[in-house]
């Protein structure tokens, strides 16, 4: 997890995100420092999340309802 390329995002509730393309895993760190791992996320979802005007809104609308996740930190 520490070798990931974290990208800071402009969001009121997200701090930064990272993506492991080989494993299709999306890592999301929230402003409260909790980290969640979303599994089986295609790269296009990660790219859309990066481009979204509201990353938190995109996460809530498209990622959370569609992909399994677990809290890892």
PDB file of N, CA and C in Angstrom:
ATOM      1  N   UNK A   1       0.825  -1.194   0.000  1.00  0.00           N
ATOM      2  CA  UNK A   1       0.000   0.000   0.000  1.00  0.00           C
ATOM      3  C   UNK A   1       0.866   1.254   0.000  1.00  0.00           C
ATOM      4  N   UNK A   2       2.040   1.184   0.571  1.00  0.00           N
ATOM      5  CA  UNK A   2       2.874   2.376   0.685  1.00  0.00           C
ATOM      6  C   UNK A   2       3.608   2.701  -0.609  1.00  0.00           C
ATOM      7  N   UNK A   3       3.637   1.777  -1.567  1.00  0.00           N
ATOM      8  CA  UNK A   3       4.284   2.027  -2.841  1.00  0.00           C
ATOM      9  C   UNK A   3       3.341   2.649  -3.857  1.00  0.00           C
ATOM     10  N   UNK A   4       2.122   2.957  -3.444  1.00  0.00           N
ATOM     11  CA  UNK A   4       1.137   3.516  -4.357  1.00  0.00           C
ATOM     12  C   UNK A   4       1.450   4.978  -4.667  1.00  0.00           C
ATOM     13  N   UNK A   5       1.005   5.407  -5.835  1.00  0.00           N
ATOM     14  CA  UNK A   5       1.153   6.796  -6.242  1.00  0.00           C
ATOM     15  C   UNK A   5      -0.101   7.555  -5.807  1.00  0.00           C
ATOM     16  N   UNK A   6      -0.077   8.141  -4.619  1.00  0.00           N
ATOM     17  CA  UNK A   6      -1.227   8.855  -4.078  1.00  0.00           C
ATOM     18  C   UNK A   6      -1.370  10.208  -4.761  1.00  0.00           C
ATOM     19  N   UNK A   7      -2.603  10.561  -5.066  1.00  0.00           N
ATOM     20  CA  UNK A   7      -2.915  11.853  -5.679  1.00  0.00           C
ATOM     21  C   UNK A   7      -3.884  12.588  -4.765  1.00  0.00           C
ATOM     22  N   UNK A   8      -3.496  13.792  -4.370  1.00  0.00           N
ATOM     23  CA  UNK A   8      -4.381  14.610  -3.543  1.00  0.00           C
ATOM     24  C   UNK A   8      -5.498  15.164  -4.413  1.00  0.00           C
ATOM     25  N   UNK A   9      -6.709  15.175  -3.875  1.00  0.00           N
ATOM     26  CA  UNK A   9      -7.868  15.675  -4.612  1.00  0.00           C
ATOM     27  C   UNK A   9      -8.492  16.843  -3.862  1.00  0.00           C
ATOM     28  N   UNK A  10      -9.163  17.689  -4.616  1.00  0.00           N
ATOM     29  CA  UNK A  10      -9.862  18.829  -4.032  1.00  0.00           C
ATOM     30  C   UNK A  10     -11.277  18.394  -3.682  1.00  0.00           C
ATOM     31  N   UNK A  11     -11.493  18.123  -2.404  1.00  0.00           N
ATOM     32  CA  UNK A  11     -12.774  17.597  -1.951  1.00  0.00           C
ATOM     33  C   UNK A  11     -12.956  17.935  -0.478  1.00  0.00           C
ATOM     34  N   UNK A  12     -14.208  18.085  -0.075  1.00  0.00           N
ATOM     35  CA  UNK A  12     -14.464  18.384   1.328  1.00  0.00           C
ATOM     36  C   UNK A  12     -14.351  17.143   2.219  1.00  0.00           C
ATOM     37  N   UNK A  13     -14.499  15.948   1.640  1.00  0.00           N
ATOM     38  CA  UNK A  13     -14.420  14.753   2.488  1.00  0.00           C
ATOM     39  C   UNK A  13     -13.375  13.730   2.036  1.00  0.00           C
ATOM     40  N   UNK A  14     -12.770  13.914   0.871  1.00  0.00           N
ATOM     41  CA  UNK A  14     -11.694  13.033   0.416  1.00  0.00           C
ATOM     42  C   UNK A  14     -10.380  13.781   0.492  1.00  0.00           C
ATOM     43  N   UNK A  15      -9.332  13.090   0.903  1.00  0.00           N
ATOM     44  CA  UNK A  15      -8.015  13.698   0.992  1.00  0.00           C
ATOM     45  C   UNK A  15      -7.159  13.340  -0.229  1.00  0.00           C
ATOM     46  N   UNK A  16      -7.058  12.020  -0.484  1.00  0.00           N
ATOM     47  CA  UNK A  16      -6.237  11.569  -1.608  1.00  0.00           C
ATOM     48  C   UNK A  16      -6.708  10.201  -2.062  1.00  0.00           C
ATOM     49  N   UNK A  17      -6.311   9.846  -3.280  1.00  0.00           N
ATOM     50  CA  UNK A  17      -6.688   8.558  -3.852  1.00  0.00           C
ATOM     51  C   UNK A  17      -5.479   7.930  -4.541  1.00  0.00           C
ATOM     52  N   UNK A  18      -5.527   6.619  -4.675  1.00  0.00           N
ATOM     53  CA  UNK A  18      -4.486   5.879  -5.382  1.00  0.00           C
ATOM     54  C   UNK A  18      -5.152   4.710  -6.097  1.00  0.00           C
ATOM     55  N   UNK A  19      -4.479   4.221  -7.148  1.00  0.00           N
ATOM     56  CA  UNK A  19      -5.053   3.130  -7.934  1.00  0.00           C
ATOM     57  C   UNK A  19      -3.973   2.127  -8.275  1.00  0.00           C
ATOM     58  N   UNK A  20      -4.275   0.859  -8.079  1.00  0.00           N
ATOM     59  CA  UNK A  20      -3.399  -0.242  -8.472  1.00  0.00           C
ATOM     60  C   UNK A  20      -4.031  -0.877  -9.702  1.00  0.00           C
ATOM     61  N   UNK A  21      -3.472  -0.561 -10.870  1.00  0.00           N
ATOM     62  CA  UNK A  21      -4.071  -1.012 -12.134  1.00  0.00           C
ATOM     63  C   UNK A  21      -4.062  -2.529 -12.277  1.00  0.00           C
ATOM     64  N   UNK A  22      -2.993  -3.189 -11.877  1.00  0.00           N
ATOM     65  CA  UNK A  22      -2.930  -4.648 -12.012  1.00  0.00           C
ATOM     66  C   UNK A  22      -3.987  -5.345 -11.164  1.00  0.00           C
ATOM     67  N   UNK A  23      -4.185  -4.870  -9.957  1.00  0.00           N
ATOM     68  CA  UNK A  23      -5.154  -5.487  -9.052  1.00  0.00           C
ATOM     69  C   UNK A  23      -6.556  -4.885  -9.191  1.00  0.00           C
ATOM     70  N   UNK A  24      -6.671  -3.811  -9.956  1.00  0.00           N
ATOM     71  CA  UNK A  24      -7.927  -3.062 -10.110  1.00  0.00           C
ATOM     72  C   UNK A  24      -8.490  -2.657  -8.742  1.00  0.00           C
ATOM     73  N   UNK A  25      -7.605  -2.087  -7.921  1.00  0.00           N
ATOM     74  CA  UNK A  25      -7.989  -1.653  -6.581  1.00  0.00           C
ATOM     75  C   UNK A  25      -7.852  -0.140  -6.471  1.00  0.00           C
ATOM     76  N   UNK A  26      -8.887   0.479  -5.961  1.00  0.00           N
ATOM     77  CA  UNK A  26      -8.908   1.909  -5.726  1.00  0.00           C
ATOM     78  C   UNK A  26      -8.792   2.145  -4.220  1.00  0.00           C
ATOM     79  N   UNK A  27      -7.847   2.975  -3.832  1.00  0.00           N
ATOM     80  CA  UNK A  27      -7.647   3.328  -2.437  1.00  0.00           C
ATOM     81  C   UNK A  27      -8.104   4.764  -2.240  1.00  0.00           C
ATOM     82  N   UNK A  28      -8.903   4.988  -1.216  1.00  0.00           N
ATOM     83  CA  UNK A  28      -9.426   6.326  -0.933  1.00  0.00           C
ATOM     84  C   UNK A  28      -9.133   6.667   0.515  1.00  0.00           C
ATOM     85  N   UNK A  29      -8.443   7.782   0.713  1.00  0.00           N
ATOM     86  CA  UNK A  29      -8.232   8.288   2.064  1.00  0.00           C
ATOM     87  C   UNK A  29      -9.163   9.479   2.272  1.00  0.00           C
ATOM     88  N   UNK A  30      -9.940   9.400   3.330  1.00  0.00           N
ATOM     89  CA  UNK A  30     -10.880  10.462   3.655  1.00  0.00           C
ATOM     90  C   UNK A  30     -10.205  11.510   4.538  1.00  0.00           C
ATOM     91  N   UNK A  31     -10.833  12.655   4.678  1.00  0.00           N
ATOM     92  CA  UNK A  31     -10.245  13.732   5.472  1.00  0.00           C
ATOM     93  C   UNK A  31     -10.115  13.360   6.947  1.00  0.00           C
ATOM     94  N   UNK A  32     -10.861  12.358   7.405  1.00  0.00           N
ATOM     95  CA  UNK A  32     -10.726  11.900   8.788  1.00  0.00           C
ATOM     96  C   UNK A  32      -9.612  10.854   8.934  1.00  0.00           C
ATOM     97  N   UNK A  33      -8.820  10.668   7.883  1.00  0.00           N
ATOM     98  CA  UNK A  33      -7.663   9.763   7.819  1.00  0.00           C
ATOM     99  C   UNK A  33      -8.008   8.289   7.659  1.00  0.00           C
ATOM    100  N   UNK A  34      -9.287   7.931   7.568  1.00  0.00           N
ATOM    101  CA  UNK A  34      -9.628   6.531   7.307  1.00  0.00           C
ATOM    102  C   UNK A  34      -9.357   6.216   5.839  1.00  0.00           C
ATOM    103  N   UNK A  35      -8.941   4.990   5.589  1.00  0.00           N
ATOM    104  CA  UNK A  35      -8.613   4.548   4.231  1.00  0.00           C
ATOM    105  C   UNK A  35      -9.490   3.353   3.878  1.00  0.00           C
ATOM    106  N   UNK A  36     -10.086   3.424   2.688  1.00  0.00           N
ATOM    107  CA  UNK A  36     -10.925   2.340   2.194  1.00  0.00           C
ATOM    108  C   UNK A  36     -10.359   1.815   0.886  1.00  0.00           C
ATOM    109  N   UNK A  37     -10.485   0.521   0.704  1.00  0.00           N
ATOM    110  CA  UNK A  37     -10.062  -0.164  -0.510  1.00  0.00           C
ATOM    111  C   UNK A  37     -11.309  -0.615  -1.255  1.00  0.00           C
ATOM    112  N   UNK A  38     -11.448  -0.170  -2.489  1.00  0.00           N
ATOM    113  CA  UNK A  38     -12.558  -0.587  -3.357  1.00  0.00           C
ATOM    114  C   UNK A  38     -11.988  -1.562  -4.379  1.00  0.00           C
ATOM    115  N   UNK A  39     -12.622  -2.735  -4.499  1.00  0.00           N
ATOM    116  CA  UNK A  39     -12.091  -3.818  -5.323  1.00  0.00           C
ATOM    117  C   UNK A  39     -12.791  -3.911  -6.673  1.00  0.00           C
ATOM    118  N   UNK A  40     -12.066  -4.443  -7.648  1.00  0.00           N
ATOM    119  CA  UNK A  40     -12.570  -4.694  -9.003  1.00  0.00           C
ATOM    120  C   UNK A  40     -13.018  -3.419  -9.714  1.00  0.00           C
ATOM    121  N   UNK A  41     -12.336  -2.321  -9.433  1.00  0.00           N
ATOM    122  CA  UNK A  41     -12.668  -1.029 -10.032  1.00  0.00           C
ATOM    123  C   UNK A  41     -11.894  -0.878 -11.339  1.00  0.00           C
ATOM    124  N   UNK A  42     -12.597  -0.763 -12.468  1.00  0.00           N
ATOM    125  CA  UNK A  42     -11.895  -0.577 -13.743  1.00  0.00           C
ATOM    126  C   UNK A  42     -11.190   0.774 -13.793  1.00  0.00           C
ATOM    127  N   UNK A  43     -10.157   0.844 -14.605  1.00  0.00           N
ATOM    128  CA  UNK A  43      -9.369   2.070 -14.675  1.00  0.00           C
ATOM    129  C   UNK A  43     -10.208   3.273 -15.112  1.00  0.00           C
ATOM    130  N   UNK A  44     -11.220   3.064 -15.943  1.00  0.00           N
ATOM    131  CA  UNK A  44     -12.019   4.205 -16.390  1.00  0.00           C
ATOM    132  C   UNK A  44     -12.749   4.867 -15.221  1.00  0.00           C
ATOM    133  N   UNK A  45     -13.120   4.090 -14.206  1.00  0.00           N
ATOM    134  CA  UNK A  45     -13.774   4.682 -13.033  1.00  0.00           C
ATOM    135  C   UNK A  45     -12.780   5.557 -12.265  1.00  0.00           C
ATOM    136  N   UNK A  46     -11.557   5.070 -12.133  1.00  0.00           N
ATOM    137  CA  UNK A  46     -10.516   5.857 -11.478  1.00  0.00           C
ATOM    138  C   UNK A  46     -10.263   7.157 -12.239  1.00  0.00           C
ATOM    139  N   UNK A  47     -10.176   7.059 -13.550  1.00  0.00           N
ATOM    140  CA  UNK A  47      -9.939   8.248 -14.374  1.00  0.00           C
ATOM    141  C   UNK A  47     -11.095   9.245 -14.260  1.00  0.00           C
ATOM    142  N   UNK A  48     -12.323   8.734 -14.236  1.00  0.00           N
ATOM    143  CA  UNK A  48     -13.488   9.612 -14.071  1.00  0.00           C
ATOM    144  C   UNK A  48     -13.479  10.269 -12.693  1.00  0.00           C
ATOM    145  N   UNK A  49     -13.076   9.529 -11.695  1.00  0.00           N
ATOM    146  CA  UNK A  49     -12.988  10.080 -10.342  1.00  0.00           C
ATOM    147  C   UNK A  49     -11.986  11.233 -10.303  1.00  0.00           C
ATOM    148  N   UNK A  50     -10.850  11.064 -10.962  1.00  0.00           N
ATOM    149  CA  UNK A  50      -9.839  12.123 -11.016  1.00  0.00           C
ATOM    150  C   UNK A  50     -10.367  13.363 -11.725  1.00  0.00           C
ATOM    151  N   UNK A  51     -11.178  13.189 -12.747  1.00  0.00           N
ATOM    152  CA  UNK A  51     -11.690  14.303 -13.548  1.00  0.00           C
ATOM    153  C   UNK A  51     -12.951  14.950 -12.977  1.00  0.00           C
ATOM    154  N   UNK A  52     -13.576  14.292 -12.035  1.00  0.00           N
ATOM    155  CA  UNK A  52     -14.874  14.757 -11.527  1.00  0.00           C
ATOM    156  C   UNK A  52     -14.760  16.132 -10.875  1.00  0.00           C
ATOM    157  N   UNK A  53     -15.752  16.963 -11.112  1.00  0.00           N
ATOM    158  CA  UNK A  53     -15.807  18.260 -10.452  1.00  0.00           C
ATOM    159  C   UNK A  53     -15.957  18.104  -8.953  1.00  0.00           C
ATOM    160  N   UNK A  54     -16.626  17.028  -8.551  1.00  0.00           N
ATOM    161  CA  UNK A  54     -16.800  16.697  -7.139  1.00  0.00           C
ATOM    162  C   UNK A  54     -16.390  15.238  -6.936  1.00  0.00           C
ATOM    163  N   UNK A  55     -15.127  14.997  -6.568  1.00  0.00           N
ATOM    164  CA  UNK A  55     -14.689  13.610  -6.365  1.00  0.00           C
ATOM    165  C   UNK A  55     -15.534  12.855  -5.335  1.00  0.00           C
ATOM    166  N   UNK A  56     -15.915  13.530  -4.264  1.00  0.00           N
ATOM    167  CA  UNK A  56     -16.742  12.883  -3.249  1.00  0.00           C
ATOM    168  C   UNK A  56     -18.117  12.519  -3.789  1.00  0.00           C
ATOM    169  N   UNK A  57     -18.677  13.401  -4.601  1.00  0.00           N
ATOM    170  CA  UNK A  57     -19.965  13.122  -5.227  1.00  0.00           C
ATOM    171  C   UNK A  57     -19.883  11.958  -6.198  1.00  0.00           C
ATOM    172  N   UNK A  58     -18.793  11.907  -6.969  1.00  0.00           N
ATOM    173  CA  UNK A  58     -18.601  10.795  -7.907  1.00  0.00           C
ATOM    174  C   UNK A  58     -18.442   9.484  -7.148  1.00  0.00           C
ATOM    175  N   UNK A  59     -17.649   9.509  -6.084  1.00  0.00           N
ATOM    176  CA  UNK A  59     -17.452   8.309  -5.277  1.00  0.00           C
ATOM    177  C   UNK A  59     -18.790   7.797  -4.752  1.00  0.00           C
ATOM    178  N   UNK A  60     -19.599   8.686  -4.213  1.00  0.00           N
ATOM    179  CA  UNK A  60     -20.897   8.295  -3.652  1.00  0.00           C
ATOM    180  C   UNK A  60     -21.876   7.803  -4.704  1.00  0.00           C
ATOM    181  N   UNK A  61     -21.851   8.405  -5.888  1.00  0.00           N
ATOM    182  CA  UNK A  61     -22.820   8.063  -6.928  1.00  0.00           C
ATOM    183  C   UNK A  61     -22.444   6.815  -7.725  1.00  0.00           C
ATOM    184  N   UNK A  62     -21.150   6.612  -7.984  1.00  0.00           N
ATOM    185  CA  UNK A  62     -20.746   5.562  -8.921  1.00  0.00           C
ATOM    186  C   UNK A  62     -19.876   4.456  -8.326  1.00  0.00           C
ATOM    187  N   UNK A  63     -19.012   4.796  -7.398  1.00  0.00           N
ATOM    188  CA  UNK A  63     -18.073   3.797  -6.868  1.00  0.00           C
ATOM    189  C   UNK A  63     -18.695   3.007  -5.710  1.00  0.00           C
ATOM    190  N   UNK A  64     -19.163   3.710  -4.694  1.00  0.00           N
ATOM    191  CA  UNK A  64     -19.696   3.031  -3.507  1.00  0.00           C
ATOM    192  C   UNK A  64     -20.813   2.042  -3.817  1.00  0.00           C
ATOM    193  N   UNK A  65     -21.789   2.397  -4.674  1.00  0.00           N
ATOM    194  CA  UNK A  65     -22.877   1.443  -4.913  1.00  0.00           C
ATOM    195  C   UNK A  65     -22.494   0.252  -5.798  1.00  0.00           C
ATOM    196  N   UNK A  66     -21.351   0.339  -6.479  1.00  0.00           N
ATOM    197  CA  UNK A  66     -21.031  -0.655  -7.507  1.00  0.00           C
ATOM    198  C   UNK A  66     -19.902  -1.610  -7.182  1.00  0.00           C
ATOM    199  N   UNK A  67     -19.050  -1.268  -6.218  1.00  0.00           N
ATOM    200  CA  UNK A  67     -17.852  -2.068  -5.981  1.00  0.00           C
ATOM    201  C   UNK A  67     -17.704  -2.411  -4.501  1.00  0.00           C
ATOM    202  N   UNK A  68     -17.283  -3.649  -4.213  1.00  0.00           N
ATOM    203  CA  UNK A  68     -17.092  -4.035  -2.807  1.00  0.00           C
ATOM    204  C   UNK A  68     -15.927  -3.254  -2.199  1.00  0.00           C
ATOM    205  N   UNK A  69     -16.049  -2.973  -0.919  1.00  0.00           N
ATOM    206  CA  UNK A  69     -14.976  -2.239  -0.259  1.00  0.00           C
ATOM    207  C   UNK A  69     -14.742  -2.761   1.142  1.00  0.00           C
ATOM    208  N   UNK A  70     -13.595  -2.383   1.675  1.00  0.00           N
ATOM    209  CA  UNK A  70     -13.276  -2.699   3.058  1.00  0.00           C
ATOM    210  C   UNK A  70     -12.424  -1.576   3.620  1.00  0.00           C
ATOM    211  N   UNK A  71     -12.600  -1.326   4.895  1.00  0.00           N
ATOM    212  CA  UNK A  71     -11.790  -0.328   5.578  1.00  0.00           C
ATOM    213  C   UNK A  71     -10.455  -0.966   5.912  1.00  0.00           C
ATOM    214  N   UNK A  72      -9.369  -0.313   5.504  1.00  0.00           N
ATOM    215  CA  UNK A  72      -8.043  -0.885   5.735  1.00  0.00           C
ATOM    216  C   UNK A  72      -7.183   0.004   6.629  1.00  0.00           C
ATOM    217  N   UNK A  73      -7.680   1.138   6.992  1.00  0.00           N
ATOM    218  CA  UNK A  73      -6.883   2.024   7.828  1.00  0.00           C
ATOM    219  C   UNK A  73      -7.700   3.132   8.422  1.00  0.00           C
TER     220      UNK A  73
END
